[in-house]
N, C-alpha and C. Protein backbone atom coordinates (compact mmCIF):
# COMPACT_ATOMS: atom_id res chain seq x y z
N UNK A 1 -29.27 40.16 -3.84
CA UNK A 1 -29.74 39.27 -4.86
C UNK A 1 -28.59 39.43 -5.84
N UNK A 2 -28.28 40.74 -6.40
CA UNK A 2 -27.34 40.56 -7.30
C UNK A 2 -26.03 39.95 -7.38
N UNK A 3 -25.60 39.97 -5.80
CA UNK A 3 -24.26 39.54 -5.27
C UNK A 3 -24.23 37.99 -5.53
N UNK A 4 -25.70 37.39 -5.45
CA UNK A 4 -25.38 35.74 -5.70
C UNK A 4 -25.83 35.37 -7.14
N UNK A 5 -26.72 36.45 -7.92
CA UNK A 5 -26.78 36.10 -9.43
C UNK A 5 -25.55 35.76 -9.92
N UNK A 6 -24.47 36.87 -9.79
CA UNK A 6 -23.30 37.39 -10.57
C UNK A 6 -22.60 36.24 -10.61
N UNK A 7 -22.04 35.34 -9.41
CA UNK A 7 -21.05 34.28 -9.23
C UNK A 7 -22.16 32.90 -10.16
N UNK A 8 -22.86 32.72 -9.93
CA UNK A 8 -24.06 31.97 -10.41
C UNK A 8 -24.09 32.13 -12.18
N UNK A 9 -23.69 33.09 -12.41
CA UNK A 9 -24.04 33.67 -14.02
C UNK A 9 -22.56 32.93 -14.49
N UNK A 10 -21.65 33.50 -13.85
CA UNK A 10 -19.95 33.31 -14.33
C UNK A 10 -20.08 31.92 -14.31
N UNK A 11 -20.66 30.83 -13.09
CA UNK A 11 -20.47 29.42 -13.41
C UNK A 11 -21.21 28.65 -14.75
N UNK A 12 -22.27 29.44 -14.50
CA UNK A 12 -23.06 28.97 -16.00
C UNK A 12 -22.18 29.24 -17.02
N UNK A 13 -21.80 30.28 -17.32
CA UNK A 13 -20.92 30.82 -18.45
C UNK A 13 -19.88 29.78 -18.77
N UNK A 14 -18.90 29.77 -17.60
CA UNK A 14 -18.01 28.59 -17.77
C UNK A 14 -18.53 27.40 -18.03
N UNK A 15 -19.45 26.80 -17.92
CA UNK A 15 -19.89 25.34 -17.91
C UNK A 15 -20.46 25.49 -19.54
N UNK A 16 -21.10 26.17 -19.93
CA UNK A 16 -21.20 26.62 -21.03
C UNK A 16 -20.31 26.39 -22.10
N UNK A 17 -19.33 27.09 -21.84
CA UNK A 17 -17.87 27.16 -22.64
C UNK A 17 -17.41 25.89 -22.73
N UNK A 18 -17.35 25.26 -21.46
CA UNK A 18 -16.90 23.77 -21.19
C UNK A 18 -17.58 22.83 -22.19
N UNK A 19 -18.95 22.88 -22.09
CA UNK A 19 -19.87 21.91 -23.02
C UNK A 19 -19.50 22.11 -24.28
N UNK A 20 -19.59 23.41 -24.79
CA UNK A 20 -19.20 23.63 -26.27
C UNK A 20 -17.84 22.87 -26.53
N UNK A 21 -16.73 23.24 -25.88
CA UNK A 21 -15.74 22.85 -26.34
C UNK A 21 -15.57 21.23 -26.26
N UNK A 22 -16.32 20.75 -25.09
CA UNK A 22 -16.37 18.99 -25.49
C UNK A 22 -17.23 18.55 -26.66
N UNK A 23 -18.29 19.53 -26.93
CA UNK A 23 -19.21 19.11 -27.95
C UNK A 23 -18.08 19.48 -29.17
N UNK A 24 -17.33 19.95 -29.42
CA UNK A 24 -16.32 20.31 -30.44
C UNK A 24 -15.48 19.12 -30.68
N UNK A 25 -15.06 18.55 -29.61
CA UNK A 25 -13.74 17.96 -29.64
C UNK A 25 -14.77 16.29 -29.89
N UNK A 26 -15.72 15.80 -29.40
CA UNK A 26 -16.30 14.88 -29.83
C UNK A 26 -17.15 14.81 -31.29
N UNK A 27 -17.54 15.60 -31.84
CA UNK A 27 -18.32 16.11 -32.82
C UNK A 27 -17.75 16.43 -34.05
N UNK A 28 -16.27 17.16 -33.97
CA UNK A 28 -15.51 17.27 -34.92
C UNK A 28 -14.86 16.37 -35.56
N UNK A 29 -14.39 15.03 -34.88
CA UNK A 29 -13.83 14.15 -35.55
C UNK A 29 -15.09 13.28 -36.43
N UNK A 30 -16.33 13.23 -35.73
CA UNK A 30 -17.31 12.37 -36.37
C UNK A 30 -17.64 13.16 -37.71
N UNK A 31 -17.93 14.42 -38.19
CA UNK A 31 -18.17 15.14 -38.88
C UNK A 31 -17.00 14.99 -40.10
N UNK A 32 -15.98 14.63 -39.70
CA UNK A 32 -14.80 14.41 -40.62
C UNK A 32 -14.49 12.94 -41.29
N UNK A 33 -15.01 12.16 -40.71
CA UNK A 33 -14.63 10.72 -40.71
C UNK A 33 -14.09 10.39 -41.98
N UNK A 34 -14.23 10.91 -43.11
CA UNK A 34 -13.85 10.68 -44.11
C UNK A 34 -12.14 11.03 -44.19
N UNK A 35 -11.53 11.54 -43.03
CA UNK A 35 -10.22 11.77 -43.14
C UNK A 35 -9.40 10.46 -42.77
N UNK A 36 -10.17 9.44 -42.11
CA UNK A 36 -9.64 8.09 -42.06
C UNK A 36 -9.08 7.38 -43.28
N UNK A 37 -9.51 7.87 -44.40
CA UNK A 37 -9.01 7.54 -45.74
C UNK A 37 -7.35 8.17 -46.08
N UNK A 38 -6.65 9.45 -45.28
CA UNK A 38 -5.93 10.03 -45.56
C UNK A 38 -5.13 9.87 -44.22
N UNK A 39 -5.23 8.98 -43.31
CA UNK A 39 -4.53 8.63 -42.24
C UNK A 39 -3.67 7.69 -42.22
N UNK A 40 -2.49 8.08 -42.61
CA UNK A 40 -1.28 6.77 -42.46
C UNK A 40 -1.51 5.72 -41.23
N UNK A 41 -1.49 4.39 -40.96
CA UNK A 41 -1.39 3.87 -40.38
C UNK A 41 0.10 2.96 -40.08
N UNK A 42 0.82 3.88 -38.92
CA UNK A 42 2.02 2.95 -38.87
C UNK A 42 2.00 1.39 -37.98
N UNK A 43 2.30 0.41 -38.84
CA UNK A 43 2.37 -0.96 -38.39
C UNK A 43 3.64 -1.07 -37.58
N UNK A 44 3.37 -2.29 -36.32
CA UNK A 44 4.70 -2.70 -35.60
C UNK A 44 5.77 -3.22 -36.44
N UNK A 45 5.77 -3.51 -37.46
CA UNK A 45 6.75 -3.93 -38.22
C UNK A 45 7.46 -2.92 -38.94
N UNK A 46 7.35 -1.56 -38.76
CA UNK A 46 8.16 -0.69 -39.46
C UNK A 46 7.43 -0.14 -40.71
N UNK A 47 6.47 -0.61 -41.37
CA UNK A 47 6.15 -0.45 -42.25
C UNK A 47 4.68 0.65 -41.87
N UNK A 48 4.07 1.10 -42.96
CA UNK A 48 3.11 2.11 -43.00
C UNK A 48 1.96 1.41 -43.79
N UNK A 49 0.62 1.39 -43.40
CA UNK A 49 -0.52 1.22 -44.22
C UNK A 49 -1.48 2.21 -44.96
N UNK A 50 -1.46 2.46 -45.75
CA UNK A 50 -2.32 3.63 -46.53
C UNK A 50 -3.36 3.08 -46.91
N UNK A 51 -4.60 3.63 -46.39
CA UNK A 51 -5.75 3.20 -46.49
C UNK A 51 -6.24 3.45 -47.91
N UNK A 52 -5.81 4.36 -48.51
CA UNK A 52 -6.14 4.86 -50.10
C UNK A 52 -5.85 3.75 -51.14
N UNK A 53 -4.84 2.73 -50.56
CA UNK A 53 -4.40 1.59 -51.65
C UNK A 53 -5.13 0.69 -51.19
N UNK A 54 -6.10 0.57 -49.98
CA UNK A 54 -6.82 -0.43 -50.11
C UNK A 54 -8.40 0.03 -50.44
N UNK A 55 -8.36 0.78 -51.35
CA UNK A 55 -9.99 0.95 -52.06
C UNK A 55 -10.14 -0.44 -52.90
N UNK A 56 -11.33 -0.72 -52.96
CA UNK A 56 -11.87 -1.76 -53.47
C UNK A 56 -11.73 -2.78 -52.56
N UNK A 57 -11.37 -2.49 -51.47
CA UNK A 57 -11.27 -4.03 -50.40
C UNK A 57 -12.21 -3.26 -49.06
N UNK A 58 -12.75 -4.24 -48.42
CA UNK A 58 -13.34 -4.17 -47.15
C UNK A 58 -12.56 -3.92 -46.09
N UNK A 59 -12.50 -3.24 -45.08
CA UNK A 59 -11.21 -3.03 -44.01
C UNK A 59 -12.15 -2.92 -42.80
N UNK A 60 -11.66 -3.82 -41.62
CA UNK A 60 -12.03 -3.53 -40.68
C UNK A 60 -10.92 -3.56 -39.53
N UNK A 61 -10.95 -2.21 -39.01
CA UNK A 61 -10.25 -1.73 -37.92
C UNK A 61 -10.87 -2.00 -36.92
N UNK A 62 -9.93 -2.81 -36.20
CA UNK A 62 -10.15 -3.49 -34.50
C UNK A 62 -9.49 -2.79 -33.44
N UNK A 63 -10.08 -1.69 -32.69
CA UNK A 63 -9.40 -1.14 -32.05
C UNK A 63 -9.65 -1.56 -30.80
N UNK A 64 -8.23 -1.91 -30.00
CA UNK A 64 -8.60 -3.33 -29.06
C UNK A 64 -7.16 -2.91 -27.88
N UNK A 65 -7.21 -3.36 -26.78
CA UNK A 65 -6.04 -3.23 -26.00
C UNK A 65 -5.30 -4.86 -25.22
N UNK A 66 -4.34 -4.49 -25.24
CA UNK A 66 -3.90 -5.71 -24.47
C UNK A 66 -4.60 -6.43 -23.08
N UNK A 67 -4.76 -5.40 -22.47
CA UNK A 67 -5.48 -5.49 -20.88
C UNK A 67 -6.70 -5.41 -20.86
N UNK A 68 -7.50 -6.09 -22.18
CA UNK A 68 -8.72 -5.84 -22.34
C UNK A 68 -9.08 -7.10 -22.21
N UNK A 69 -9.79 -8.32 -21.45
CA UNK A 69 -10.16 -9.66 -21.79
C UNK A 69 -11.04 -9.71 -22.99
N UNK A 70 -11.97 -8.87 -23.07
CA UNK A 70 -13.01 -9.31 -24.19
C UNK A 70 -12.10 -9.20 -25.72
N UNK A 71 -11.26 -7.88 -25.51
CA UNK A 71 -10.16 -7.82 -26.85
C UNK A 71 -9.54 -9.00 -27.11
N UNK A 72 -8.66 -9.72 -25.99
CA UNK A 72 -8.36 -10.75 -26.16
C UNK A 72 -9.22 -12.14 -26.58
N UNK A 73 -10.21 -12.32 -26.37
CA UNK A 73 -11.14 -13.01 -26.27
C UNK A 73 -11.45 -13.37 -27.94
N UNK A 74 -11.86 -11.98 -28.61
CA UNK A 74 -11.95 -11.83 -29.81
C UNK A 74 -10.84 -12.05 -30.92
N UNK A 75 -9.62 -12.01 -30.41
CA UNK A 75 -8.66 -12.12 -31.65
C UNK A 75 -8.77 -13.13 -32.55
N UNK A 76 -8.96 -14.53 -31.56
CA UNK A 76 -9.00 -15.56 -32.75
C UNK A 76 -10.16 -15.65 -33.42
N UNK A 77 -11.25 -14.88 -33.45
CA UNK A 77 -12.48 -14.83 -33.98
C UNK A 77 -12.03 -13.78 -35.05
N UNK A 78 -11.67 -12.77 -34.75
CA UNK A 78 -11.04 -11.90 -36.22
C UNK A 78 -9.89 -12.61 -37.17
N UNK A 79 -9.24 -13.14 -36.52
CA UNK A 79 -8.21 -13.92 -37.22
C UNK A 79 -8.88 -14.78 -38.16
N UNK A 80 -9.84 -15.68 -37.63
CA UNK A 80 -10.78 -16.73 -38.25
C UNK A 80 -11.47 -16.15 -39.55
N UNK A 81 -12.13 -14.70 -39.02
CA UNK A 81 -12.80 -13.85 -40.17
C UNK A 81 -11.54 -13.61 -41.56
N UNK A 82 -10.72 -13.01 -41.13
CA UNK A 82 -9.71 -12.75 -41.84
C UNK A 82 -9.24 -13.79 -42.69
N UNK A 83 -8.72 -14.82 -42.10
CA UNK A 83 -8.39 -16.00 -43.14
C UNK A 83 -9.51 -16.72 -44.16
N UNK A 84 -10.73 -16.48 -43.68
CA UNK A 84 -11.65 -17.07 -44.30
C UNK A 84 -12.38 -15.97 -45.74
N UNK A 85 -11.85 -14.76 -45.63
CA UNK A 85 -12.64 -13.78 -46.58
C UNK A 85 -11.41 -12.61 -47.30
N UNK A 86 -10.22 -12.98 -46.59
CA UNK A 86 -8.98 -12.21 -47.20
C UNK A 86 -9.24 -12.28 -48.72
N UNK A 87 -9.26 -13.53 -49.23
CA UNK A 87 -9.34 -14.01 -50.87
C UNK A 87 -10.30 -13.20 -51.30
N UNK A 88 -11.77 -12.69 -50.42
CA UNK A 88 -12.74 -12.11 -51.11
C UNK A 88 -12.56 -10.73 -51.12
N UNK A 89 -11.46 -10.28 -50.63
CA UNK A 89 -10.85 -8.72 -50.36
C UNK A 89 -11.13 -8.20 -48.91
N UNK A 90 -11.20 -8.83 -47.77
CA UNK A 90 -11.43 -8.45 -46.57
C UNK A 90 -9.91 -8.15 -45.95
N UNK A 91 -9.75 -6.98 -45.58
CA UNK A 91 -8.34 -6.88 -44.58
C UNK A 91 -8.78 -6.12 -43.11
N UNK A 92 -8.12 -6.81 -41.99
CA UNK A 92 -8.72 -6.61 -41.09
C UNK A 92 -7.07 -6.18 -40.28
N UNK A 93 -7.31 -5.00 -39.72
CA UNK A 93 -6.30 -4.37 -39.32
C UNK A 93 -6.33 -4.28 -37.65
N UNK A 94 -5.50 -4.62 -36.64
CA UNK A 94 -5.80 -4.25 -35.32
C UNK A 94 -4.86 -3.27 -34.80
N UNK A 95 -5.65 -2.67 -34.15
CA UNK A 95 -5.04 -1.17 -33.73
C UNK A 95 -5.22 -1.15 -32.03
N UNK A 96 -3.94 -1.05 -31.69
CA UNK A 96 -3.87 -1.20 -30.07
C UNK A 96 -4.22 0.24 -29.72
N UNK A 97 -5.19 0.71 -28.62
CA UNK A 97 -5.51 2.05 -28.23
C UNK A 97 -4.17 2.57 -27.40
N UNK A 98 -4.20 3.97 -27.44
CA UNK A 98 -2.87 4.77 -26.72
C UNK A 98 -3.14 4.24 -25.22
N UNK A 99 -1.86 4.25 -25.02
CA UNK A 99 -1.44 3.47 -23.67
C UNK A 99 -1.03 2.18 -23.75
N UNK A 100 -1.45 1.54 -24.83
CA UNK A 100 -1.17 0.06 -24.70
C UNK A 100 0.38 -0.18 -25.26
N UNK A 101 1.00 -0.93 -24.65
CA UNK A 101 2.40 -1.26 -24.73
C UNK A 101 2.61 -2.43 -26.14
N UNK A 102 3.62 -1.63 -27.35
CA UNK A 102 3.88 -2.53 -28.07
C UNK A 102 4.12 -3.73 -28.02
N UNK A 103 4.79 -3.99 -26.76
CA UNK A 103 5.40 -5.43 -26.50
C UNK A 103 4.33 -6.51 -25.64
N UNK A 104 3.48 -5.64 -24.89
CA UNK A 104 2.36 -6.48 -24.49
C UNK A 104 1.05 -6.77 -25.92
N UNK A 105 1.32 -5.97 -26.82
CA UNK A 105 0.01 -6.14 -27.80
C UNK A 105 0.82 -6.99 -28.94
N UNK A 106 1.98 -7.03 -29.19
CA UNK A 106 2.74 -7.84 -30.22
C UNK A 106 2.63 -9.78 -29.03
N UNK A 107 2.95 -9.48 -27.89
CA UNK A 107 2.86 -10.77 -27.14
C UNK A 107 1.23 -11.30 -27.32
N UNK A 108 0.33 -10.47 -27.03
CA UNK A 108 -1.12 -10.80 -26.69
C UNK A 108 -1.41 -11.48 -28.23
N UNK A 109 -0.87 -10.93 -29.44
CA UNK A 109 -1.58 -11.08 -30.61
C UNK A 109 -0.71 -12.25 -31.29
N UNK A 110 0.44 -12.79 -30.41
CA UNK A 110 1.17 -13.97 -31.06
C UNK A 110 0.48 -15.11 -30.46
N UNK A 111 -0.23 -15.07 -29.39
CA UNK A 111 -0.89 -15.90 -28.19
C UNK A 111 -2.27 -16.42 -29.07
N UNK A 112 -2.51 -15.32 -29.68
CA UNK A 112 -3.88 -15.76 -30.49
C UNK A 112 -3.68 -16.12 -31.81
N UNK A 113 -2.18 -16.11 -32.36
CA UNK A 113 -1.80 -16.65 -33.63
C UNK A 113 -2.28 -15.59 -34.73
N UNK A 114 -2.18 -14.29 -34.59
CA UNK A 114 -2.66 -13.28 -35.48
C UNK A 114 -1.69 -13.19 -36.48
N UNK A 115 -2.24 -13.32 -37.89
CA UNK A 115 -1.52 -12.83 -39.15
C UNK A 115 -1.69 -11.54 -39.44
N UNK A 116 -2.57 -10.83 -39.14
CA UNK A 116 -3.45 -9.74 -40.06
C UNK A 116 -2.28 -8.29 -39.35
N UNK A 117 -2.18 -7.44 -40.02
CA UNK A 117 -1.61 -6.32 -39.69
C UNK A 117 -1.86 -5.78 -38.33
N UNK A 118 -1.05 -5.33 -37.53
CA UNK A 118 -1.03 -4.84 -36.15
C UNK A 118 -0.35 -3.44 -36.22
N UNK A 119 -0.93 -2.32 -35.25
CA UNK A 119 -0.51 -1.26 -35.35
C UNK A 119 -0.86 -0.72 -33.79
N UNK A 120 -0.08 0.22 -33.02
CA UNK A 120 -0.42 0.67 -31.87
C UNK A 120 -0.58 2.50 -32.06
N UNK A 121 -1.79 2.81 -31.85
CA UNK A 121 -2.47 4.19 -31.94
C UNK A 121 -1.85 5.05 -30.59
N UNK A 122 -0.60 5.09 -30.70
CA UNK A 122 -0.07 5.72 -29.44
C UNK A 122 -0.66 7.15 -29.03
N UNK A 123 -0.84 8.09 -30.29
CA UNK A 123 -1.39 9.25 -29.87
C UNK A 123 -2.68 9.39 -30.20
N UNK A 124 -3.23 8.54 -30.52
CA UNK A 124 -4.79 8.24 -30.73
C UNK A 124 -5.33 8.91 -32.01
N UNK A 125 -4.37 9.13 -33.20
CA UNK A 125 -4.54 9.92 -34.34
C UNK A 125 -5.66 9.23 -35.03
N UNK A 126 -5.39 7.88 -35.40
CA UNK A 126 -6.38 6.88 -36.03
C UNK A 126 -7.74 6.72 -35.53
N UNK A 127 -7.70 6.71 -34.14
CA UNK A 127 -9.05 6.95 -33.38
C UNK A 127 -9.95 8.10 -33.88
N UNK A 128 -9.32 8.95 -33.73
CA UNK A 128 -9.77 10.32 -33.85
C UNK A 128 -10.37 10.18 -35.38
N UNK A 129 -9.49 9.81 -36.18
CA UNK A 129 -10.14 10.02 -37.76
C UNK A 129 -11.07 9.27 -37.96
N UNK A 130 -11.63 8.31 -37.07
CA UNK A 130 -12.85 7.56 -37.42
C UNK A 130 -13.78 7.98 -36.45
N UNK A 131 -13.48 9.30 -35.69
CA UNK A 131 -14.71 9.82 -34.81
C UNK A 131 -14.65 9.37 -33.40
N UNK A 132 -13.58 8.89 -32.99
CA UNK A 132 -13.34 8.62 -31.78
C UNK A 132 -13.64 7.15 -31.21
N UNK A 133 -12.73 6.62 -30.44
CA UNK A 133 -12.90 5.30 -29.76
C UNK A 133 -13.43 5.42 -28.41
N UNK A 134 -14.58 5.06 -27.83
CA UNK A 134 -14.80 5.17 -26.54
C UNK A 134 -14.45 3.99 -25.77
N UNK A 135 -15.08 2.80 -26.33
CA UNK A 135 -14.49 1.58 -25.45
C UNK A 135 -14.04 0.45 -26.66
N UNK A 136 -13.21 -0.29 -25.64
CA UNK A 136 -12.65 -1.47 -26.10
C UNK A 136 -13.34 -2.85 -26.07
N UNK A 137 -13.50 -3.50 -27.19
CA UNK A 137 -13.05 -3.67 -28.69
C UNK A 137 -13.81 -2.57 -29.40
N UNK A 138 -13.69 -2.02 -30.40
CA UNK A 138 -14.69 -1.65 -31.17
C UNK A 138 -13.90 -1.63 -32.76
N UNK A 139 -15.12 -2.12 -33.38
CA UNK A 139 -14.78 -2.33 -34.98
C UNK A 139 -15.26 -1.30 -35.74
N UNK A 140 -14.55 -0.77 -36.61
CA UNK A 140 -14.84 0.21 -37.81
C UNK A 140 -14.84 -0.52 -39.18
N UNK A 141 -15.88 -0.56 -39.62
CA UNK A 141 -16.08 -1.22 -40.91
C UNK A 141 -16.06 -0.17 -42.09
N UNK A 142 -14.94 -0.14 -42.50
CA UNK A 142 -14.65 0.95 -44.08
C UNK A 142 -15.11 0.04 -45.50
N UNK A 143 -15.79 0.92 -46.31
CA UNK A 143 -16.50 -0.04 -47.25
C UNK A 143 -15.12 0.06 -48.57
N UNK A 144 -15.82 -0.59 -49.55
CA UNK A 144 -14.96 -0.76 -50.75
C UNK A 144 -14.31 0.88 -51.47
N UNK A 145 -15.26 1.76 -51.34
CA UNK A 145 -15.09 3.20 -51.65
C UNK A 145 -13.87 3.97 -50.37
N UNK A 146 -13.87 3.35 -49.53
CA UNK A 146 -13.06 3.97 -48.29
C UNK A 146 -14.11 4.77 -47.32
N UNK A 147 -15.13 4.70 -47.11
CA UNK A 147 -16.17 5.41 -46.43
C UNK A 147 -16.32 4.67 -45.20
N UNK A 148 -16.55 5.14 -43.57
CA UNK A 148 -16.67 4.31 -42.89
C UNK A 148 -18.24 3.99 -42.98
N UNK A 149 -18.60 3.00 -42.76
CA UNK A 149 -19.85 2.62 -42.99
C UNK A 149 -20.63 2.00 -41.60
N UNK A 150 -19.94 1.73 -40.84
CA UNK A 150 -20.53 1.15 -39.40
C UNK A 150 -19.31 1.40 -38.49
N UNK A 151 -19.66 1.32 -37.33
CA UNK A 151 -18.57 1.47 -35.78
C UNK A 151 -19.40 0.34 -35.08
N UNK A 152 -18.57 -0.51 -34.48
CA UNK A 152 -19.65 -1.75 -33.57
C UNK A 152 -18.66 -1.70 -32.14
N UNK A 153 -19.25 -1.29 -31.12
CA UNK A 153 -18.39 -1.33 -29.68
C UNK A 153 -18.97 -2.70 -29.19
N UNK A 154 -17.93 -3.56 -28.61
CA UNK A 154 -18.14 -5.07 -28.25
C UNK A 154 -17.62 -5.96 -29.35
N UNK A 155 -17.43 -7.35 -29.00
CA UNK A 155 -16.70 -8.26 -29.63
C UNK A 155 -17.34 -8.50 -31.01
N UNK A 156 -16.78 -8.70 -31.79
CA UNK A 156 -17.08 -8.90 -33.55
C UNK A 156 -18.03 -10.35 -33.67
N UNK A 157 -17.78 -11.29 -32.52
CA UNK A 157 -18.67 -12.48 -32.92
C UNK A 157 -20.10 -12.30 -33.24
N UNK A 158 -20.63 -11.14 -32.91
CA UNK A 158 -22.02 -10.99 -32.62
C UNK A 158 -22.19 -10.99 -34.10
N UNK A 159 -23.48 -11.16 -34.79
CA UNK A 159 -24.27 -11.87 -35.96
C UNK A 159 -24.12 -10.28 -36.16
N UNK A 160 -24.66 -9.60 -35.98
CA UNK A 160 -24.88 -8.02 -36.60
C UNK A 160 -23.60 -7.61 -37.55
N UNK A 161 -22.62 -7.22 -36.62
CA UNK A 161 -21.28 -7.03 -37.36
C UNK A 161 -20.71 -7.95 -38.43
N UNK A 162 -21.17 -9.04 -38.12
CA UNK A 162 -20.70 -10.11 -39.38
C UNK A 162 -21.23 -9.86 -40.44
N UNK A 163 -22.63 -9.67 -40.27
CA UNK A 163 -23.44 -9.44 -41.47
C UNK A 163 -23.32 -8.27 -42.16
N UNK A 164 -23.18 -7.30 -41.36
CA UNK A 164 -22.51 -5.95 -42.12
C UNK A 164 -21.17 -6.50 -42.88
N UNK A 165 -20.18 -7.05 -42.19
CA UNK A 165 -18.96 -6.85 -43.08
C UNK A 165 -19.23 -8.10 -44.19
N UNK A 166 -19.90 -8.71 -44.21
CA UNK A 166 -20.15 -9.75 -45.22
C UNK A 166 -21.01 -9.08 -46.32
N UNK A 167 -21.73 -8.06 -45.80
CA UNK A 167 -22.91 -7.42 -47.12
C UNK A 167 -21.56 -6.39 -47.59
N UNK A 168 -20.74 -5.64 -46.92
CA UNK A 168 -19.72 -4.69 -47.78
C UNK A 168 -19.08 -5.69 -48.48
N UNK A 169 -18.59 -6.84 -48.26
CA UNK A 169 -17.78 -7.49 -49.03
C UNK A 169 -18.28 -8.05 -50.54
N UNK A 170 -19.60 -8.28 -50.40
CA UNK A 170 -20.43 -8.58 -51.65
C UNK A 170 -21.08 -7.51 -52.32
N UNK A 171 -20.74 -6.30 -51.71
CA UNK A 171 -21.34 -5.36 -52.80
C UNK A 171 -20.71 -4.78 -54.19
N UNK A 172 -21.36 -4.94 -54.90
CA UNK A 172 -20.50 -4.40 -56.28
C UNK A 172 -20.24 -3.39 -56.77
């Protein structure tokens, strides 16, 4: 009996260690969400966007992929949102997820006539800074003080994310 228990115990210990390491990798970034304000965003035009400079503005980080049809579909909606509210302090930043081609990202953004800043998060640094991105599209809303106030998975055209963005814009 003890011969069968020991191998099962080893498997259970390894599984627990694996689960703990997975938990740390997923929960760690969420606990440190405030890191987003210190994470510089390299833009495709060669410049770097520092979110600390954007304090006082509401920022929507749109994590997307040029290979994701819903992501491509929402680009014009995000552009309309950006054009409608940028004079009121809204900043939209499109962040293509790791594995996205810079050229495909630029081509998709050009087809949608996107004018807001674009980045390709090749190493996943920005995604980790906001607690991880599991699906695309995902929008991360950062309030005027630089805090992540919400994260929406799915296309931004839904009423709930729009209401949250507008509410954050009109906060004093």
